[in-house]
């Protein structure tokens, strides 16, 4: 088990929580560059070498998402119990090993086994652990901190040409082996910076003294009372499932991003222009994560999240009308393509840090890892359905348009669902009232004395 040592309140004048953001961001960016966004560079070379069917090979990626969703609640629970350093050290070790093992595969079952190793490793060593740890170190600036952390994942998308060039020059096996070693080189130093929460080291979240806000008080300088709701209580709240479904509707659409390029090509868009449009989403994604994450610290996050889902809806609708003919008139690509790339990118990018911040705002830091793990599982179910649905609809209709139209309508439902979510203070108050009622119901009066 990793031993946690004291953390300096400030290092070179910077609050220690920001060093956790920086080191976590490096790991997030590297993971995105070589797997979340970069693994598509390995797909064709592996298929071409072994002659496996694309369906069987892609099945490993679908299995990875499903397994990740199943593991997430356990990761969150263990994180709340043992802290980030122990889990992340295990995850980094297994992830690096998974890449090394994948560089040696020769059979399909070995490919699946290596993918399972990567799933376990990244579940324990990346996203949930990093987000929960950063969320524990910030309250007032949590949206800003998580926006910066998650922006590193978007930056990873820009390195895809470098990865493709490396595979062309050195071969996919050598690159995967180097990626695994690189994960250890980057990951283990990051593990050493992880700390559970600032109070364990005599600090306060955000690096400043927190002043509780009196009832009805507003304005800068006041800190709202932080909720402290146990995981079991959260999972019994109708509000949690309403929030989880609304957030997961966005995941239903965003999980189909790997089909954007095939869809644009099927619409008759020039392959080079289609690739440029699909790749341009990364710019909107990055801008959304940074910009809307910062806005979430200044405005009502429910309304900002609703705006993000509205942008995703508009972007997806624009995708359905690229080169479409309406009343005999072709809508072309000049307007729909930019609307698609900017709208979808901004909306998707903004929704990520906002969702993660709102989980902590509503339910507190006490069970942040566990609650986020459960919500990640719900999102994973929706995320697994999205690509399957689009593929099945294409098989039936021989077009992607109807599939993306239906998904756009479903994501549009998340706009009012998010806009009209209850205020965090009301949710916390109802949770405290429910706990008080439960205690009164189970109260046993003391036995009379003689």
Protein backbone atom coordinates (compact mmCIF):
# COMPACT_ATOMS: atom_id res chain seq x y z
CA UNK A 1 0.00 0.00 0.00
CA UNK A 2 1.36 3.42 -0.89
CA UNK A 3 2.21 5.52 2.14
CA UNK A 4 0.97 9.09 2.11
CA UNK A 5 3.38 11.68 3.41
CA UNK A 6 2.71 15.25 4.37
CA UNK A 7 1.94 17.64 1.53
CA UNK A 8 3.27 21.20 1.58
CA UNK A 9 0.51 23.82 1.75
CA UNK A 10 2.17 25.64 -1.12
CA UNK A 11 4.99 24.73 -3.45
CA UNK A 12 6.70 27.65 -5.18
CA UNK A 13 3.81 29.85 -4.05
CA UNK A 14 1.14 27.63 -5.65
CA UNK A 15 -1.61 25.89 -3.66
CA UNK A 16 -0.82 22.17 -3.57
CA UNK A 17 -4.17 21.26 -5.14
CA UNK A 18 -3.01 22.84 -8.40
CA UNK A 19 0.02 20.54 -8.48
CA UNK A 20 -2.40 17.62 -8.30
CA UNK A 21 -4.29 19.14 -11.25
CA UNK A 22 -1.05 19.50 -13.24
CA UNK A 23 0.25 15.98 -12.61
CA UNK A 24 -3.20 14.47 -13.16
CA UNK A 25 -3.55 16.46 -16.36
CA UNK A 26 -0.31 15.02 -17.71
CA UNK A 27 -1.61 11.48 -17.13
CA UNK A 28 -5.02 12.34 -18.64
CA UNK A 29 -3.41 13.88 -21.71
CA UNK A 30 -1.07 10.94 -22.27
CA UNK A 31 -3.86 8.40 -21.83
CA UNK A 32 -6.03 10.29 -24.29
CA UNK A 33 -3.19 10.55 -26.82
CA UNK A 34 -2.37 6.84 -26.80
CA UNK A 35 -5.76 5.24 -26.10
CA UNK A 36 -9.01 7.20 -25.69
CA UNK A 37 -8.42 9.16 -28.89
CA UNK A 38 -5.23 7.60 -30.20
CA UNK A 39 -6.02 3.89 -30.30
CA UNK A 40 -7.82 4.32 -33.62
CA UNK A 41 -4.33 4.73 -35.14
CA UNK A 42 -3.51 1.13 -34.14
CA UNK A 43 -6.81 -0.34 -35.34
CA UNK A 44 -6.15 -0.71 -39.08
CA UNK A 45 -2.52 -1.91 -38.77
CA UNK A 46 -3.57 -4.63 -36.32
CA UNK A 47 -6.52 -5.74 -38.50
CA UNK A 48 -4.39 -5.79 -41.65
CA UNK A 49 -1.61 -7.86 -40.05
CA UNK A 50 -3.82 -10.58 -38.62
CA UNK A 51 -6.76 -10.51 -41.01
CA UNK A 52 -9.27 -10.40 -38.16
CA UNK A 53 -12.74 -9.13 -38.96
CA UNK A 54 -13.33 -5.52 -38.04
CA UNK A 55 -16.38 -6.53 -36.05
CA UNK A 56 -14.41 -8.99 -33.91
CA UNK A 57 -11.60 -6.49 -33.38
CA UNK A 58 -13.96 -3.62 -32.58
CA UNK A 59 -15.75 -5.94 -30.17
CA UNK A 60 -12.79 -5.65 -27.84
CA UNK A 61 -13.28 -1.86 -27.71
CA UNK A 62 -16.99 -2.29 -26.95
CA UNK A 63 -16.10 -4.80 -24.26
CA UNK A 64 -13.62 -2.29 -22.83
CA UNK A 65 -16.36 0.31 -22.39
CA UNK A 66 -18.72 -2.21 -20.82
CA UNK A 67 -16.11 -3.54 -18.41
CA UNK A 68 -15.07 -0.03 -17.47
CA UNK A 69 -18.66 0.82 -16.58
CA UNK A 70 -19.00 -2.31 -14.44
CA UNK A 71 -15.73 -1.64 -12.60
CA UNK A 72 -16.38 2.06 -11.92
CA UNK A 73 -18.55 1.68 -8.75
CA UNK A 74 -15.93 -0.57 -7.14
CA UNK A 75 -13.18 1.91 -8.01
CA UNK A 76 -15.13 4.72 -6.39
CA UNK A 77 -15.79 2.74 -3.22
CA UNK A 78 -12.17 1.63 -2.89
CA UNK A 79 -11.01 5.17 -3.55
CA UNK A 80 -13.11 6.54 -0.69
CA UNK A 81 -11.70 3.79 1.56
CA UNK A 82 -7.99 3.62 0.64
CA UNK A 83 -7.24 6.96 -0.99
CA UNK A 84 -5.86 7.81 -4.43
CA UNK A 85 -2.20 6.82 -4.16
CA UNK A 86 -2.72 3.11 -3.57
CA UNK A 87 -5.31 2.73 -6.34
CA UNK A 88 -3.43 4.87 -8.84
CA UNK A 89 -0.13 3.04 -8.27
CA UNK A 90 -1.87 -0.26 -9.01
CA UNK A 91 -3.62 1.21 -12.04
CA UNK A 92 -0.48 2.72 -13.54
CA UNK A 93 1.41 -0.57 -13.14
CA UNK A 94 -1.35 -2.62 -14.81
CA UNK A 95 -1.95 -0.09 -17.62
CA UNK A 96 1.71 -0.04 -18.62
CA UNK A 97 1.75 -3.84 -18.51
CA UNK A 98 -1.38 -3.96 -20.68
CA UNK A 99 0.25 -1.93 -23.46
CA UNK A 100 3.41 -4.08 -23.31
CA UNK A 101 1.34 -7.29 -23.47
CA UNK A 102 -0.68 -5.93 -26.41
CA UNK A 103 2.56 -5.32 -28.33
CA UNK A 104 3.21 -9.09 -28.15
CA UNK A 105 -0.21 -10.50 -29.15
CA UNK A 106 -0.62 -12.94 -32.04
CA UNK A 107 -4.12 -14.35 -31.45
CA UNK A 108 -7.51 -12.68 -31.07
CA UNK A 109 -8.06 -14.00 -27.55
CA UNK A 110 -4.71 -12.49 -26.55
CA UNK A 111 -5.86 -9.14 -27.93
CA UNK A 112 -9.00 -9.36 -25.80
CA UNK A 113 -6.93 -10.30 -22.73
CA UNK A 114 -4.61 -7.33 -23.26
CA UNK A 115 -7.63 -5.05 -23.64
CA UNK A 116 -9.01 -6.41 -20.36
CA UNK A 117 -5.72 -5.54 -18.65
CA UNK A 118 -5.90 -2.00 -20.05
CA UNK A 119 -9.49 -1.68 -18.85
CA UNK A 120 -8.59 -2.66 -15.29
CA UNK A 121 -5.49 -0.49 -15.25
CA UNK A 122 -7.09 2.66 -16.62
CA UNK A 123 -10.14 2.24 -14.38
CA UNK A 124 -7.91 2.34 -11.31
CA UNK A 125 -5.19 4.65 -12.57
CA UNK A 126 -6.78 7.46 -14.57
CA UNK A 127 -10.15 9.18 -14.91
CA UNK A 128 -12.15 8.41 -11.73
CA UNK A 129 -9.18 8.56 -9.36
CA UNK A 130 -7.89 11.82 -10.81
CA UNK A 131 -11.26 13.57 -11.00
CA UNK A 132 -12.27 12.54 -7.48
CA UNK A 133 -8.94 13.63 -6.03
CA UNK A 134 -9.05 17.03 -7.72
CA UNK A 135 -12.68 17.42 -6.65
CA UNK A 136 -11.67 16.85 -3.03
CA UNK A 137 -9.10 19.68 -3.11
CA UNK A 138 -11.43 22.37 -4.43
CA UNK A 139 -14.91 23.72 -3.71
CA UNK A 140 -15.22 27.32 -4.91
CA UNK A 141 -12.76 26.76 -7.78
CA UNK A 142 -13.76 23.16 -8.45
CA UNK A 143 -15.25 23.90 -11.87
CA UNK A 144 -12.08 25.68 -12.95
CA UNK A 145 -9.81 22.91 -11.66
CA UNK A 146 -11.78 20.10 -13.30
CA UNK A 147 -12.04 22.09 -16.55
CA UNK A 148 -8.25 22.34 -16.70
CA UNK A 149 -7.82 18.66 -15.84
CA UNK A 150 -10.31 17.48 -18.46
CA UNK A 151 -8.94 19.88 -21.08
CA UNK A 152 -5.79 17.78 -21.11
CA UNK A 153 -7.88 14.91 -22.49
CA UNK A 154 -8.95 17.14 -25.38
CA UNK A 155 -5.34 18.15 -26.06
CA UNK A 156 -4.52 14.47 -26.53
CA UNK A 157 -6.61 14.46 -29.68
CA UNK A 158 -4.16 16.78 -31.45
CA UNK A 159 -1.31 14.26 -31.19
CA UNK A 160 -2.98 11.67 -33.44
CA UNK A 161 -0.88 12.58 -36.52
CA UNK A 162 2.30 12.05 -34.48
CA UNK A 163 1.12 8.60 -33.41
CA UNK A 164 0.18 7.66 -36.99
CA UNK A 165 3.62 8.75 -38.20
CA UNK A 166 5.38 6.76 -35.47
CA UNK A 167 3.43 3.61 -36.41
CA UNK A 168 4.29 4.09 -40.10
CA UNK A 169 7.99 4.43 -39.29
CA UNK A 170 8.48 1.92 -36.46
CA UNK A 171 5.52 -0.47 -36.61
CA UNK A 172 2.59 -0.80 -34.24
CA UNK A 173 4.29 -3.35 -31.96
CA UNK A 174 7.30 -1.15 -31.18
CA UNK A 175 5.09 1.88 -30.64
CA UNK A 176 2.75 0.02 -28.26
CA UNK A 177 5.74 -1.28 -26.28
CA UNK A 178 7.13 2.26 -26.03
CA UNK A 179 3.70 3.57 -25.01
CA UNK A 180 3.60 1.10 -22.10
CA UNK A 181 7.06 2.11 -20.85
CA UNK A 182 6.09 5.75 -21.29
CA UNK A 183 2.99 5.23 -19.16
CA UNK A 184 5.15 4.03 -16.28
CA UNK A 185 7.60 6.90 -16.72
CA UNK A 186 4.79 9.47 -16.62
CA UNK A 187 2.39 7.72 -14.26
CA UNK A 188 4.50 6.76 -11.25
CA UNK A 189 5.81 10.31 -10.56
CA UNK A 190 2.21 11.53 -10.79
CA UNK A 191 1.21 8.94 -8.16
CA UNK A 192 3.62 10.54 -5.70
CA UNK A 193 1.77 13.88 -5.89
CA UNK A 194 -1.66 12.44 -5.06
CA UNK A 195 -3.18 13.23 -1.66
CA UNK A 196 -6.68 12.34 -0.45
CA UNK A 197 -7.98 15.72 0.79
CA UNK A 198 -6.47 18.99 2.09
CA UNK A 199 -7.90 18.70 5.61
CA UNK A 200 -5.65 15.68 6.23
CA UNK A 201 -2.66 18.03 5.92
CA UNK A 202 -3.96 21.05 7.82
CA UNK A 203 -5.23 22.88 4.73
CA UNK A 204 -8.58 24.06 3.43
CA UNK A 205 -10.06 23.44 -0.04
CA UNK A 206 -9.03 26.08 -2.61
CA UNK A 207 -6.10 27.08 -0.38
CA UNK A 208 -8.09 29.76 1.43
CA UNK A 209 -10.11 30.01 4.62
CA UNK A 210 -13.72 29.05 3.95
CA UNK A 211 -16.55 31.13 5.37
CA UNK A 212 -19.92 29.42 5.56
CA UNK A 213 -22.70 31.36 3.89
CA UNK A 214 -25.60 32.34 6.14
CA UNK A 215 -29.12 31.45 5.03
CA UNK A 216 -30.02 33.59 2.02
CA UNK A 217 -26.63 35.32 1.80
CA UNK A 218 -25.17 35.98 -1.61
CA UNK A 219 -22.08 37.53 -3.10
CA UNK A 220 -18.41 36.80 -3.50
CA UNK A 221 -16.38 35.81 -0.45
CA UNK A 222 -19.07 33.53 0.95
CA UNK A 223 -18.77 29.76 0.66
CA UNK A 224 -21.99 27.75 0.56
CA UNK A 225 -22.29 25.02 3.17
CA UNK A 226 -20.86 21.86 1.65
CA UNK A 227 -23.26 18.89 1.51
CA UNK A 228 -22.22 15.68 3.22
CA UNK A 229 -24.53 12.95 1.91
CA UNK A 230 -23.57 9.25 2.30
CA UNK A 231 -23.52 7.12 -0.83
CA UNK A 232 -26.42 4.90 0.25
CA UNK A 233 -28.58 7.96 0.83
CA UNK A 234 -27.60 9.40 -2.56
CA UNK A 235 -28.58 6.22 -4.40
CA UNK A 236 -32.04 6.33 -2.78
CA UNK A 237 -32.67 9.88 -4.00
CA UNK A 238 -34.94 10.30 -7.02
CA UNK A 239 -32.98 13.43 -7.86
CA UNK A 240 -29.75 11.43 -8.35
CA UNK A 241 -31.32 9.19 -10.99
CA UNK A 242 -32.90 12.17 -12.75
CA UNK A 243 -29.49 13.82 -12.92
CA UNK A 244 -27.78 10.59 -13.99
CA UNK A 245 -30.21 9.98 -16.85
CA UNK A 246 -29.97 13.58 -18.07
CA UNK A 247 -26.18 13.46 -18.08
CA UNK A 248 -26.16 10.02 -19.72
CA UNK A 249 -28.31 11.20 -22.62
CA UNK A 250 -25.34 13.33 -23.61
CA UNK A 251 -23.13 10.26 -23.41
CA UNK A 252 -25.57 8.39 -25.65
CA UNK A 253 -24.76 10.86 -28.44
CA UNK A 254 -21.10 11.58 -27.71
CA UNK A 255 -20.23 7.86 -27.78
CA UNK A 256 -21.00 7.81 -31.52
CA UNK A 257 -18.17 10.23 -32.36
CA UNK A 258 -16.13 7.49 -34.06
CA UNK A 259 -18.95 7.23 -36.63
CA UNK A 260 -18.86 10.91 -37.60
CA UNK A 261 -16.29 10.38 -40.33
CA UNK A 262 -18.07 7.38 -41.92
CA UNK A 263 -21.34 9.33 -41.78
CA UNK A 264 -19.90 12.37 -43.55
CA UNK A 265 -18.36 10.17 -46.25
CA UNK A 266 -21.69 8.42 -46.76
CA UNK A 267 -23.28 11.85 -47.31
CA UNK A 268 -20.96 12.41 -50.27
CA UNK A 269 -18.57 14.80 -48.51
CA UNK A 270 -15.04 14.86 -49.90
CA UNK A 271 -12.93 12.57 -47.62
CA UNK A 272 -10.36 15.30 -46.93
CA UNK A 273 -13.07 17.81 -45.98
CA UNK A 274 -14.88 15.18 -43.92
CA UNK A 275 -11.68 14.38 -42.00
CA UNK A 276 -11.06 18.10 -41.42
CA UNK A 277 -14.59 18.62 -40.10
CA UNK A 278 -14.46 15.56 -37.81
CA UNK A 279 -11.03 16.58 -36.55
CA UNK A 280 -12.11 20.18 -35.97
CA UNK A 281 -14.41 18.95 -33.19
CA UNK A 282 -11.28 18.78 -31.03
CA UNK A 283 -10.94 22.58 -31.13
CA UNK A 284 -14.51 23.09 -29.96
CA UNK A 285 -14.06 20.32 -27.41
CA UNK A 286 -11.03 22.05 -25.89
CA UNK A 287 -12.69 25.48 -25.93
CA UNK A 288 -15.81 24.02 -24.33
CA UNK A 289 -13.92 22.31 -21.51
CA UNK A 290 -11.98 25.44 -20.66
CA UNK A 291 -14.54 28.13 -21.35
CA UNK A 292 -17.76 26.56 -20.10
CA UNK A 293 -15.96 25.02 -17.13
CA UNK A 294 -14.92 28.50 -16.06
CA UNK A 295 -18.44 29.83 -16.64
CA UNK A 296 -19.74 27.13 -14.34
CA UNK A 297 -17.92 28.78 -11.42
CA UNK A 298 -19.73 32.06 -12.11
CA UNK A 299 -23.20 31.06 -13.28
CA UNK A 300 -25.82 28.50 -12.35
CA UNK A 301 -24.31 25.19 -13.47
CA UNK A 302 -27.73 23.74 -14.25
CA UNK A 303 -28.32 26.40 -16.89
CA UNK A 304 -24.80 26.16 -18.29
CA UNK A 305 -25.18 22.38 -18.58
CA UNK A 306 -28.53 22.82 -20.33
CA UNK A 307 -26.84 25.20 -22.78
CA UNK A 308 -24.14 22.58 -23.42
CA UNK A 309 -26.75 19.94 -24.27
CA UNK A 310 -28.53 22.44 -26.52
CA UNK A 311 -25.28 23.01 -28.43
CA UNK A 312 -24.78 19.25 -28.79
CA UNK A 313 -28.33 18.94 -30.14
CA UNK A 314 -27.82 21.72 -32.69
CA UNK A 315 -24.48 20.25 -33.78
CA UNK A 316 -25.92 16.77 -34.21
CA UNK A 317 -28.93 18.08 -36.13
CA UNK A 318 -26.54 19.91 -38.44
CA UNK A 319 -24.78 16.60 -39.08
CA UNK A 320 -28.06 15.04 -40.25
CA UNK A 321 -28.64 17.70 -42.92
CA UNK A 322 -25.17 17.82 -44.50
CA UNK A 323 -25.74 17.55 -48.27
CA UNK A 324 -29.38 16.71 -47.57
CA UNK A 325 -32.10 17.76 -50.02
CA UNK A 326 -35.07 19.62 -48.56
CA UNK A 327 -37.92 20.42 -51.01
CA UNK A 328 -35.52 19.64 -53.82
CA UNK A 329 -32.86 22.05 -52.57
CA UNK A 330 -29.47 20.75 -51.41
CA UNK A 331 -28.31 22.24 -48.11
CA UNK A 332 -24.69 21.59 -49.07
CA UNK A 333 -21.79 21.62 -46.62
CA UNK A 334 -20.85 25.31 -46.24
CA UNK A 335 -23.23 25.95 -43.32
CA UNK A 336 -24.04 22.53 -41.78
CA UNK A 337 -20.41 21.39 -41.41
CA UNK A 338 -19.16 24.37 -39.33
CA UNK A 339 -22.33 24.29 -37.21
CA UNK A 340 -21.80 20.58 -36.61
CA UNK A 341 -18.11 20.87 -35.68
CA UNK A 342 -18.47 23.95 -33.46
CA UNK A 343 -21.79 23.10 -31.84
CA UNK A 344 -21.06 19.46 -31.08
CA UNK A 345 -17.48 20.19 -29.97
CA UNK A 346 -18.39 23.06 -27.63
CA UNK A 347 -21.38 21.24 -26.14
CA UNK A 348 -19.59 17.95 -25.59
CA UNK A 349 -16.48 19.61 -24.17
CA UNK A 350 -18.44 21.81 -21.77
CA UNK A 351 -20.61 18.97 -20.47
CA UNK A 352 -17.66 16.95 -19.12
CA UNK A 353 -16.25 19.26 -16.39
CA UNK A 354 -19.73 20.58 -15.58
CA UNK A 355 -21.11 17.10 -14.89
CA UNK A 356 -18.16 16.22 -12.68
CA UNK A 357 -18.40 19.49 -10.77
CA UNK A 358 -22.15 19.20 -10.22
CA UNK A 359 -21.77 15.75 -8.65
CA UNK A 360 -19.60 17.27 -5.92
CA UNK A 361 -21.78 20.40 -5.59
CA UNK A 362 -24.90 18.32 -4.98
CA UNK A 363 -23.58 15.42 -2.91
CA UNK A 364 -20.33 16.65 -1.35
CA UNK A 365 -16.83 15.25 -1.09
CA UNK A 366 -17.56 12.52 1.47
CA UNK A 367 -18.60 9.95 -1.14
CA UNK A 368 -17.54 11.73 -4.31
CA UNK A 369 -15.59 8.79 -5.73
CA UNK A 370 -18.36 6.27 -5.05
CA UNK A 371 -21.13 8.45 -6.46
CA UNK A 372 -19.11 9.32 -9.54
CA UNK A 373 -18.39 5.61 -10.05
CA UNK A 374 -22.08 4.75 -10.05
CA UNK A 375 -22.91 7.62 -12.41
CA UNK A 376 -20.09 6.52 -14.72
CA UNK A 377 -21.68 3.07 -14.87
CA UNK A 378 -25.03 4.56 -15.90
CA UNK A 379 -23.29 6.66 -18.56
CA UNK A 380 -21.36 3.61 -19.78
CA UNK A 381 -24.63 1.77 -20.45
CA UNK A 382 -25.91 4.65 -22.56
CA UNK A 383 -22.49 4.98 -24.20
CA UNK A 384 -22.51 1.32 -25.22
CA UNK A 385 -26.00 1.62 -26.71
CA UNK A 386 -25.20 4.64 -28.92
CA UNK A 387 -22.81 3.09 -31.48
CA UNK A 388 -24.82 -0.16 -31.63
CA UNK A 389 -28.01 1.80 -32.32
CA UNK A 390 -26.42 3.91 -35.07
CA UNK A 391 -24.88 0.84 -36.71
CA UNK A 392 -28.15 -1.10 -36.60
CA UNK A 393 -30.10 1.84 -38.04
CA UNK A 394 -27.60 2.11 -40.89
CA UNK A 395 -28.05 -1.60 -41.65
CA UNK A 396 -31.83 -1.08 -41.87
CA UNK A 397 -32.03 2.31 -43.61
CA UNK A 398 -28.63 2.39 -45.38
CA UNK A 399 -28.16 5.90 -44.02
CA UNK A 400 -26.89 7.52 -40.84
CA UNK A 401 -29.33 10.43 -40.99
CA UNK A 402 -32.31 8.90 -39.16
CA UNK A 403 -30.09 7.47 -36.41
CA UNK A 404 -28.46 10.82 -35.63
CA UNK A 405 -31.83 12.58 -35.88
CA UNK A 406 -33.31 10.28 -33.22
CA UNK A 407 -30.28 10.73 -30.96
CA UNK A 408 -30.52 14.51 -31.39
CA UNK A 409 -34.13 14.45 -30.20
CA UNK A 410 -33.19 12.34 -27.18
CA UNK A 411 -30.38 14.72 -26.19
CA UNK A 412 -32.79 17.65 -26.61
CA UNK A 413 -34.82 16.08 -23.77
CA UNK A 414 -31.82 16.57 -21.49
CA UNK A 415 -32.05 20.37 -21.92
CA UNK A 416 -35.23 20.89 -19.82
CA UNK A 417 -34.32 17.98 -17.54
CA UNK A 418 -31.08 19.77 -16.61
CA UNK A 419 -32.45 23.32 -16.60
CA UNK A 420 -35.14 22.44 -14.04
CA UNK A 421 -32.98 20.37 -11.69
CA UNK A 422 -33.43 21.31 -8.03
CA UNK A 423 -31.07 23.76 -6.38
CA UNK A 424 -28.13 22.05 -4.58
CA UNK A 425 -29.08 23.65 -1.25
CA UNK A 426 -32.62 22.23 -1.47
CA UNK A 427 -31.32 18.77 -2.33
CA UNK A 428 -28.92 18.85 0.63
CA UNK A 429 -31.68 20.14 2.95
CA UNK A 430 -34.04 17.33 1.93
CA UNK A 431 -31.27 14.79 2.50
CA UNK A 432 -30.63 16.14 6.00
CA UNK A 433 -34.34 16.05 6.74
CA UNK A 434 -34.60 12.44 5.56
CA UNK A 435 -31.68 11.45 7.79
CA UNK A 436 -33.27 13.23 10.77
CA UNK A 437 -36.58 11.45 10.20
CA UNK A 438 -34.83 8.10 9.95
CA UNK A 439 -33.02 8.70 13.23
CA UNK A 440 -36.26 9.67 14.99
CA UNK A 441 -38.02 6.59 13.59
CA UNK A 442 -35.32 4.31 14.99
CA UNK A 443 -34.88 6.15 18.29
CA UNK A 444 -35.16 3.90 21.34
CA UNK A 445 -35.80 5.74 24.63
CA UNK A 446 -33.37 4.92 27.43
CA UNK A 447 -34.39 2.19 29.86
CA UNK A 448 -35.84 3.45 33.18
CA UNK A 449 -33.53 3.37 36.17
CA UNK A 450 -34.59 1.89 39.51
